[in-house]
Amino acid sequence: MAKVPEQIVRLVSRGLIEFSEKGYRQLFEGPFDENDVQNAVIYGTVVKKEKDQTKVAKYKYTIIGPSLKGDPLYCCGKIRKKSDDKKYFIITFHGASL
C-alpha cells in the first residue's frame, strides 16, 4: 500500500474531480456523496496502481479511504487531461470491507 500521489490530492482538494456515468449513478443512488469520495481519496491509501488500458491516462489508481462518517470507501480513478485542464476522474466507488 502506498500514499496517494500529491498531484491527485491537489486536484481533488481543489474540487477538480469528474465522475463517469457509472459514478454519477452511484452518487444518485447513495449512500455516499461527492464529499465522501473526495475525503476518501485525500485521506486514503493506494492499494493498487495499474496501467490504464484505455490509454486516456498513464495509470488508474484504486484507493481505499474513509468517508466523512469514517466508513471505508473504495474508489477507482485516474488523472485525465483535456487540453490544458487536468482533473481526477472517478470511474467507480462503493463501500469497502476491510
C-alpha atoms as a PDB file:
ATOM      1  CA  MET A   1       0.000   0.000   0.000  1.00  0.00           C
ATOM      2  CA  ALA A   2       1.219   3.464  -0.853  1.00  0.00           C
ATOM      3  CA  LYS A   3       0.456   7.098  -0.207  1.00  0.00           C
ATOM      4  CA  VAL A   4      -1.928   8.818  -2.633  1.00  0.00           C
ATOM      5  CA  PRO A   5       0.164  10.807  -5.167  1.00  0.00           C
ATOM      6  CA  GLU A   6       0.357  14.504  -4.300  1.00  0.00           C
ATOM      7  CA  GLN A   7      -0.951  15.522  -7.736  1.00  0.00           C
ATOM      8  CA  ILE A   8      -4.181  13.579  -7.100  1.00  0.00           C
ATOM      9  CA  VAL A   9      -4.556  15.076  -3.618  1.00  0.00           C
ATOM     10  CA  ARG A  10      -4.099  18.611  -5.041  1.00  0.00           C
ATOM     11  CA  LEU A  11      -6.654  18.073  -7.824  1.00  0.00           C
ATOM     12  CA  VAL A  12      -9.273  16.573  -5.523  1.00  0.00           C
ATOM     13  CA  SER A  13      -8.661  19.178  -2.785  1.00  0.00           C
ATOM     14  CA  ARG A  14      -9.363  21.918  -5.342  1.00  0.00           C
ATOM     15  CA  GLY A  15     -12.566  20.195  -6.476  1.00  0.00           C
ATOM     16  CA  LEU A  16     -11.083  19.252  -9.854  1.00  0.00           C
ATOM     17  CA  ILE A  17     -12.915  15.948  -9.945  1.00  0.00           C
ATOM     18  CA  GLU A  18     -15.203  14.327 -12.517  1.00  0.00           C
ATOM     19  CA  PHE A  19     -17.361  11.230 -12.354  1.00  0.00           C
ATOM     20  CA  SER A  20     -18.045   8.636 -15.003  1.00  0.00           C
ATOM     21  CA  GLU A  21     -21.642   7.881 -15.922  1.00  0.00           C
ATOM     22  CA  LYS A  22     -21.489   4.952 -13.502  1.00  0.00           C
ATOM     23  CA  GLY A  23     -20.037   7.233 -10.819  1.00  0.00           C
ATOM     24  CA  TYR A  24     -22.892   9.714 -11.225  1.00  0.00           C
ATOM     25  CA  ARG A  25     -25.390   6.853 -10.907  1.00  0.00           C
ATOM     26  CA  GLN A  26     -23.679   5.776  -7.701  1.00  0.00           C
ATOM     27  CA  LEU A  27     -23.896   9.339  -6.340  1.00  0.00           C
ATOM     28  CA  PHE A  28     -27.594   9.482  -7.189  1.00  0.00           C
ATOM     29  CA  GLU A  29     -28.342   6.095  -5.620  1.00  0.00           C
ATOM     30  CA  GLY A  30     -26.398   6.867  -2.416  1.00  0.00           C
ATOM     31  CA  PRO A  31     -25.466   6.373   0.380  1.00  0.00           C
ATOM     32  CA  PHE A  32     -22.182   8.195  -0.391  1.00  0.00           C
ATOM     33  CA  ASP A  33     -21.887  11.673  -1.910  1.00  0.00           C
ATOM     34  CA  GLU A  34     -19.153  13.657  -3.662  1.00  0.00           C
ATOM     35  CA  ASN A  35     -17.736  14.919  -0.353  1.00  0.00           C
ATOM     36  CA  ASP A  36     -17.351  11.327   0.867  1.00  0.00           C
ATOM     37  CA  VAL A  37     -15.442  10.410  -2.293  1.00  0.00           C
ATOM     38  CA  GLN A  38     -13.199  13.482  -2.002  1.00  0.00           C
ATOM     39  CA  ASN A  39     -12.416  12.666   1.641  1.00  0.00           C
ATOM     40  CA  ALA A  40     -11.638   9.028   0.823  1.00  0.00           C
ATOM     41  CA  VAL A  41      -9.220   9.997  -1.953  1.00  0.00           C
ATOM     42  CA  ILE A  42      -7.453  12.739   0.031  1.00  0.00           C
ATOM     43  CA  TYR A  43      -7.019  10.669   3.214  1.00  0.00           C
ATOM     44  CA  GLY A  44      -6.857   7.212   1.670  1.00  0.00           C
ATOM     45  CA  THR A  45      -4.184   4.769   0.631  1.00  0.00           C
ATOM     46  CA  VAL A  46      -3.376   3.455  -2.851  1.00  0.00           C
ATOM     47  CA  VAL A  47      -3.925  -0.307  -2.762  1.00  0.00           C
ATOM     48  CA  LYS A  48      -3.445  -0.859  -6.485  1.00  0.00           C
ATOM     49  CA  LYS A  49      -1.830   1.058  -9.350  1.00  0.00           C
ATOM     50  CA  GLU A  50      -2.109  -0.305 -12.873  1.00  0.00           C
ATOM     51  CA  LYS A  51      -1.637   0.881 -16.435  1.00  0.00           C
ATOM     52  CA  ASP A  52      -4.745   2.449 -17.913  1.00  0.00           C
ATOM     53  CA  GLN A  53      -5.974   0.059 -20.586  1.00  0.00           C
ATOM     54  CA  THR A  54      -7.891   2.805 -22.386  1.00  0.00           C
ATOM     55  CA  LYS A  55      -4.676   4.868 -22.775  1.00  0.00           C
ATOM     56  CA  VAL A  56      -6.549   8.015 -21.656  1.00  0.00           C
ATOM     57  CA  ALA A  57      -4.198   8.230 -18.674  1.00  0.00           C
ATOM     58  CA  LYS A  58      -0.927   6.597 -17.712  1.00  0.00           C
ATOM     59  CA  TYR A  59      -2.342   4.803 -14.676  1.00  0.00           C
ATOM     60  CA  LYS A  60      -5.526   4.115 -12.822  1.00  0.00           C
ATOM     61  CA  TYR A  61      -5.489   4.011  -9.054  1.00  0.00           C
ATOM     62  CA  THR A  62      -7.530   2.013  -6.562  1.00  0.00           C
ATOM     63  CA  ILE A  63      -7.739   3.988  -3.346  1.00  0.00           C
ATOM     64  CA  ILE A  64      -9.397   2.967  -0.099  1.00  0.00           C
ATOM     65  CA  GLY A  65     -10.072   5.733   2.385  1.00  0.00           C
ATOM     66  CA  PRO A  66     -12.603   6.998   4.904  1.00  0.00           C
ATOM     67  CA  SER A  67     -15.907   8.612   4.000  1.00  0.00           C
ATOM     68  CA  LEU A  68     -16.842  11.660   6.091  1.00  0.00           C
ATOM     69  CA  LYS A  69     -18.540   9.293   8.574  1.00  0.00           C
ATOM     70  CA  GLY A  70     -15.427   7.098   8.697  1.00  0.00           C
ATOM     71  CA  ASP A  71     -16.812   4.206   6.644  1.00  0.00           C
ATOM     72  CA  PRO A  72     -14.206   2.652   4.305  1.00  0.00           C
ATOM     73  CA  LEU A  73     -14.759   3.663   0.678  1.00  0.00           C
ATOM     74  CA  TYR A  74     -13.260   2.004  -2.427  1.00  0.00           C
ATOM     75  CA  CYS A  75     -12.529   4.492  -5.229  1.00  0.00           C
ATOM     76  CA  CYS A  76     -11.076   3.751  -8.656  1.00  0.00           C
ATOM     77  CA  GLY A  77      -9.937   6.681 -10.777  1.00  0.00           C
ATOM     78  CA  LYS A  78      -7.287   8.284 -12.951  1.00  0.00           C
ATOM     79  CA  ILE A  79      -5.854  11.668 -13.850  1.00  0.00           C
ATOM     80  CA  ARG A  80      -7.389  12.867 -17.108  1.00  0.00           C
ATOM     81  CA  LYS A  81      -6.062  15.717 -19.187  1.00  0.00           C
ATOM     82  CA  LYS A  82      -8.310  17.644 -21.568  1.00  0.00           C
ATOM     83  CA  SER A  83      -6.402  20.341 -23.448  1.00  0.00           C
ATOM     84  CA  ASP A  84      -4.660  22.289 -20.646  1.00  0.00           C
ATOM     85  CA  ASP A  85      -7.036  21.093 -17.931  1.00  0.00           C
ATOM     86  CA  LYS A  86      -6.373  18.169 -15.565  1.00  0.00           C
ATOM     87  CA  LYS A  87      -8.995  16.518 -13.376  1.00  0.00           C
ATOM     88  CA  TYR A  88      -9.211  13.393 -11.291  1.00  0.00           C
ATOM     89  CA  PHE A  89     -11.758  11.140 -12.995  1.00  0.00           C
ATOM     90  CA  ILE A  90     -13.672   8.736 -10.747  1.00  0.00           C
ATOM     91  CA  ILE A  91     -14.555   5.561 -12.634  1.00  0.00           C
ATOM     92  CA  THR A  92     -16.401   3.864  -9.781  1.00  0.00           C
ATOM     93  CA  PHE A  93     -16.708   3.867  -5.977  1.00  0.00           C
ATOM     94  CA  HIS A  94     -18.516   1.885  -3.300  1.00  0.00           C
ATOM     95  CA  GLY A  95     -18.328   0.874   0.327  1.00  0.00           C
ATOM     96  CA  ALA A  96     -15.335  -1.317   1.092  1.00  0.00           C
ATOM     97  CA  SER A  97     -14.966  -4.155   3.540  1.00  0.00           C
ATOM     98  CA  LEU A  98     -11.642  -4.297   5.304  1.00  0.00           C
END
